[in-house]
């Protein structure tokens, strides 16, 4: 045991966050607020037969992270088919670059972004020709 099985993204504006993650990554968001006792939306990130995990967007319970502060928590990284197209969607929907695209030589393209709620996340496009 010890395998990651669920994630939670803390958000200030639930509707804005649902739009961002739904449109950028195609997640389906299900209202689980009744079970959680607060605004809480389950994030279905892919089909059950695909590798990966599901999680949730939950109402932030304290102040959001300050801009440019060091990461204090986990950064989730999403696999994408097309890095540049995904980055364009992120920026179009109000996200910001935290660490620009860089090569993991012989493996992938990687970069980090801030979502509309100030949280940092990564995107990762496998590419054995990355350099």
C-alpha atoms as a PDB file:
ATOM      1  CA  UNK A   1       0.000   0.000   0.000  1.00  0.00           C
ATOM      2  CA  UNK A   2       1.033   3.606  -0.376  1.00  0.00           C
ATOM      3  CA  UNK A   3       0.068   4.134  -4.020  1.00  0.00           C
ATOM      4  CA  UNK A   4      -1.498   7.511  -4.750  1.00  0.00           C
ATOM      5  CA  UNK A   5      -5.243   6.944  -5.241  1.00  0.00           C
ATOM      6  CA  UNK A   6      -6.858  10.406  -5.114  1.00  0.00           C
ATOM      7  CA  UNK A   7      -5.904  14.084  -5.327  1.00  0.00           C
ATOM      8  CA  UNK A   8      -7.608  17.314  -4.234  1.00  0.00           C
ATOM      9  CA  UNK A   9      -7.073  20.722  -5.799  1.00  0.00           C
ATOM     10  CA  UNK A  10      -8.025  23.585  -3.498  1.00  0.00           C
ATOM     11  CA  UNK A  11      -9.893  26.377  -5.302  1.00  0.00           C
ATOM     12  CA  UNK A  12     -11.303  29.803  -4.508  1.00  0.00           C
ATOM     13  CA  UNK A  13     -13.777  30.018  -7.376  1.00  0.00           C
ATOM     14  CA  UNK A  14     -15.336  26.629  -8.110  1.00  0.00           C
ATOM     15  CA  UNK A  15     -17.018  27.589 -11.384  1.00  0.00           C
ATOM     16  CA  UNK A  16     -13.815  29.142 -12.759  1.00  0.00           C
ATOM     17  CA  UNK A  17     -11.767  26.093 -11.711  1.00  0.00           C
ATOM     18  CA  UNK A  18     -14.310  23.643 -13.181  1.00  0.00           C
ATOM     19  CA  UNK A  19     -14.175  25.511 -16.495  1.00  0.00           C
ATOM     20  CA  UNK A  20     -10.359  25.582 -16.470  1.00  0.00           C
ATOM     21  CA  UNK A  21      -9.772  21.879 -15.741  1.00  0.00           C
ATOM     22  CA  UNK A  22     -12.747  20.709 -17.787  1.00  0.00           C
ATOM     23  CA  UNK A  23     -11.666  22.616 -20.888  1.00  0.00           C
ATOM     24  CA  UNK A  24      -7.893  22.206 -20.635  1.00  0.00           C
ATOM     25  CA  UNK A  25      -7.813  18.486 -19.774  1.00  0.00           C
ATOM     26  CA  UNK A  26     -11.330  17.293 -20.662  1.00  0.00           C
ATOM     27  CA  UNK A  27     -12.129  16.226 -17.098  1.00  0.00           C
ATOM     28  CA  UNK A  28     -15.713  15.402 -16.130  1.00  0.00           C
ATOM     29  CA  UNK A  29     -16.681  17.041 -12.843  1.00  0.00           C
ATOM     30  CA  UNK A  30     -19.360  15.503 -10.613  1.00  0.00           C
ATOM     31  CA  UNK A  31     -20.987  17.312  -7.701  1.00  0.00           C
ATOM     32  CA  UNK A  32     -20.055  15.478  -4.489  1.00  0.00           C
ATOM     33  CA  UNK A  33     -20.793  18.477  -2.237  1.00  0.00           C
ATOM     34  CA  UNK A  34     -23.493  16.657  -0.266  1.00  0.00           C
ATOM     35  CA  UNK A  35     -20.989  13.991   0.826  1.00  0.00           C
ATOM     36  CA  UNK A  36     -18.235  16.490   1.663  1.00  0.00           C
ATOM     37  CA  UNK A  37     -20.374  19.119   3.371  1.00  0.00           C
ATOM     38  CA  UNK A  38     -18.780  21.869   1.251  1.00  0.00           C
ATOM     39  CA  UNK A  39     -18.388  22.687  -2.442  1.00  0.00           C
ATOM     40  CA  UNK A  40     -16.570  19.563  -3.708  1.00  0.00           C
ATOM     41  CA  UNK A  41     -16.500  18.241  -7.275  1.00  0.00           C
ATOM     42  CA  UNK A  42     -15.133  14.826  -8.174  1.00  0.00           C
ATOM     43  CA  UNK A  43     -12.745  14.982 -11.115  1.00  0.00           C
ATOM     44  CA  UNK A  44     -12.950  12.011 -13.461  1.00  0.00           C
ATOM     45  CA  UNK A  45      -9.698  12.345 -15.407  1.00  0.00           C
ATOM     46  CA  UNK A  46     -10.065   9.449 -17.828  1.00  0.00           C
ATOM     47  CA  UNK A  47     -11.577   6.059 -18.539  1.00  0.00           C
ATOM     48  CA  UNK A  48     -11.357   3.339 -15.876  1.00  0.00           C
ATOM     49  CA  UNK A  49      -9.226   1.198 -18.194  1.00  0.00           C
ATOM     50  CA  UNK A  50      -6.573   3.954 -18.593  1.00  0.00           C
ATOM     51  CA  UNK A  51      -3.591   4.433 -16.296  1.00  0.00           C
ATOM     52  CA  UNK A  52      -4.058   7.318 -13.853  1.00  0.00           C
ATOM     53  CA  UNK A  53      -6.148   8.458 -10.912  1.00  0.00           C
ATOM     54  CA  UNK A  54      -9.207  10.587 -10.288  1.00  0.00           C
ATOM     55  CA  UNK A  55      -9.475  13.370  -7.747  1.00  0.00           C
ATOM     56  CA  UNK A  56     -11.506  16.423  -6.851  1.00  0.00           C
ATOM     57  CA  UNK A  57     -11.761  20.189  -6.776  1.00  0.00           C
ATOM     58  CA  UNK A  58     -12.561  21.360  -3.254  1.00  0.00           C
ATOM     59  CA  UNK A  59     -13.357  24.751  -1.759  1.00  0.00           C
ATOM     60  CA  UNK A  60     -10.193  26.341  -0.339  1.00  0.00           C
ATOM     61  CA  UNK A  61     -10.364  26.630   3.467  1.00  0.00           C
ATOM     62  CA  UNK A  62      -7.682  29.306   3.956  1.00  0.00           C
ATOM     63  CA  UNK A  63      -5.708  31.946   2.069  1.00  0.00           C
ATOM     64  CA  UNK A  64      -4.448  31.031  -1.416  1.00  0.00           C
ATOM     65  CA  UNK A  65      -0.716  30.659  -2.044  1.00  0.00           C
ATOM     66  CA  UNK A  66       1.211  33.903  -2.540  1.00  0.00           C
ATOM     67  CA  UNK A  67       2.601  34.549  -6.041  1.00  0.00           C
ATOM     68  CA  UNK A  68       6.185  33.271  -6.477  1.00  0.00           C
ATOM     69  CA  UNK A  69       6.271  31.471  -3.117  1.00  0.00           C
ATOM     70  CA  UNK A  70       8.020  28.116  -2.941  1.00  0.00           C
ATOM     71  CA  UNK A  71       5.789  25.105  -3.534  1.00  0.00           C
ATOM     72  CA  UNK A  72       4.423  23.761  -0.267  1.00  0.00           C
ATOM     73  CA  UNK A  73       2.685  20.529  -1.154  1.00  0.00           C
ATOM     74  CA  UNK A  74       2.522  18.171  -4.106  1.00  0.00           C
ATOM     75  CA  UNK A  75       2.614  19.209  -7.729  1.00  0.00           C
ATOM     76  CA  UNK A  76       0.469  16.962  -9.898  1.00  0.00           C
ATOM     77  CA  UNK A  77       1.610  16.478 -13.492  1.00  0.00           C
ATOM     78  CA  UNK A  78      -0.848  15.623 -16.258  1.00  0.00           C
ATOM     79  CA  UNK A  79       0.161  13.617 -19.305  1.00  0.00           C
ATOM     80  CA  UNK A  80      -0.764  15.355 -22.569  1.00  0.00           C
ATOM     81  CA  UNK A  81      -0.636  14.376 -26.235  1.00  0.00           C
ATOM     82  CA  UNK A  82       0.368  17.822 -27.541  1.00  0.00           C
ATOM     83  CA  UNK A  83       2.334  20.078 -25.208  1.00  0.00           C
ATOM     84  CA  UNK A  84       2.022  23.284 -27.232  1.00  0.00           C
ATOM     85  CA  UNK A  85      -1.732  22.969 -27.809  1.00  0.00           C
ATOM     86  CA  UNK A  86      -2.297  22.259 -24.108  1.00  0.00           C
ATOM     87  CA  UNK A  87      -0.136  25.221 -23.086  1.00  0.00           C
ATOM     88  CA  UNK A  88      -2.144  27.493 -25.410  1.00  0.00           C
ATOM     89  CA  UNK A  89      -5.407  26.334 -23.732  1.00  0.00           C
ATOM     90  CA  UNK A  90      -3.927  26.884 -20.265  1.00  0.00           C
ATOM     91  CA  UNK A  91      -2.929  30.451 -21.097  1.00  0.00           C
ATOM     92  CA  UNK A  92      -6.186  31.203 -22.955  1.00  0.00           C
ATOM     93  CA  UNK A  93      -8.211  30.124 -19.903  1.00  0.00           C
ATOM     94  CA  UNK A  94      -6.255  32.276 -17.434  1.00  0.00           C
ATOM     95  CA  UNK A  95      -3.374  30.032 -16.382  1.00  0.00           C
ATOM     96  CA  UNK A  96       0.197  31.324 -16.164  1.00  0.00           C
ATOM     97  CA  UNK A  97       3.628  29.863 -16.882  1.00  0.00           C
ATOM     98  CA  UNK A  98       5.470  28.921 -13.668  1.00  0.00           C
ATOM     99  CA  UNK A  99       8.436  27.123 -15.304  1.00  0.00           C
ATOM    100  CA  UNK A 100       8.614  27.150 -19.120  1.00  0.00           C
ATOM    101  CA  UNK A 101       8.723  24.062 -21.328  1.00  0.00           C
ATOM    102  CA  UNK A 102      11.991  22.145 -21.140  1.00  0.00           C
ATOM    103  CA  UNK A 103      13.299  18.834 -22.435  1.00  0.00           C
ATOM    104  CA  UNK A 104      13.811  15.741 -20.353  1.00  0.00           C
ATOM    105  CA  UNK A 105      16.359  14.460 -22.918  1.00  0.00           C
ATOM    106  CA  UNK A 106      15.287  11.288 -24.661  1.00  0.00           C
ATOM    107  CA  UNK A 107      12.064  11.110 -22.638  1.00  0.00           C
ATOM    108  CA  UNK A 108       9.613  14.023 -22.742  1.00  0.00           C
ATOM    109  CA  UNK A 109       8.734  17.708 -22.704  1.00  0.00           C
ATOM    110  CA  UNK A 110       7.851  19.074 -19.261  1.00  0.00           C
ATOM    111  CA  UNK A 111       6.731  22.416 -17.827  1.00  0.00           C
ATOM    112  CA  UNK A 112       4.827  23.900 -14.892  1.00  0.00           C
ATOM    113  CA  UNK A 113       1.904  26.320 -14.726  1.00  0.00           C
ATOM    114  CA  UNK A 114      -0.299  28.148 -12.257  1.00  0.00           C
ATOM    115  CA  UNK A 115      -4.012  27.468 -12.582  1.00  0.00           C
ATOM    116  CA  UNK A 116      -6.670  30.158 -12.143  1.00  0.00           C
ATOM    117  CA  UNK A 117      -6.613  29.508  -8.378  1.00  0.00           C
ATOM    118  CA  UNK A 118      -2.847  29.988  -7.903  1.00  0.00           C
ATOM    119  CA  UNK A 119      -1.999  26.257  -7.695  1.00  0.00           C
ATOM    120  CA  UNK A 120       1.062  24.863  -9.496  1.00  0.00           C
ATOM    121  CA  UNK A 121       0.735  21.823 -11.776  1.00  0.00           C
ATOM    122  CA  UNK A 122       2.813  20.242 -14.510  1.00  0.00           C
ATOM    123  CA  UNK A 123       2.202  18.950 -18.002  1.00  0.00           C
ATOM    124  CA  UNK A 124       4.246  16.170 -19.590  1.00  0.00           C
ATOM    125  CA  UNK A 125       4.340  15.067 -23.236  1.00  0.00           C
ATOM    126  CA  UNK A 126       6.313  11.864 -23.849  1.00  0.00           C
ATOM    127  CA  UNK A 127       8.790  12.316 -26.732  1.00  0.00           C
ATOM    128  CA  UNK A 128      11.912  10.167 -27.089  1.00  0.00           C
ATOM    129  CA  UNK A 129      13.330  12.864 -29.423  1.00  0.00           C
ATOM    130  CA  UNK A 130      13.135  15.647 -26.817  1.00  0.00           C
ATOM    131  CA  UNK A 131      16.459  17.446 -26.323  1.00  0.00           C
END
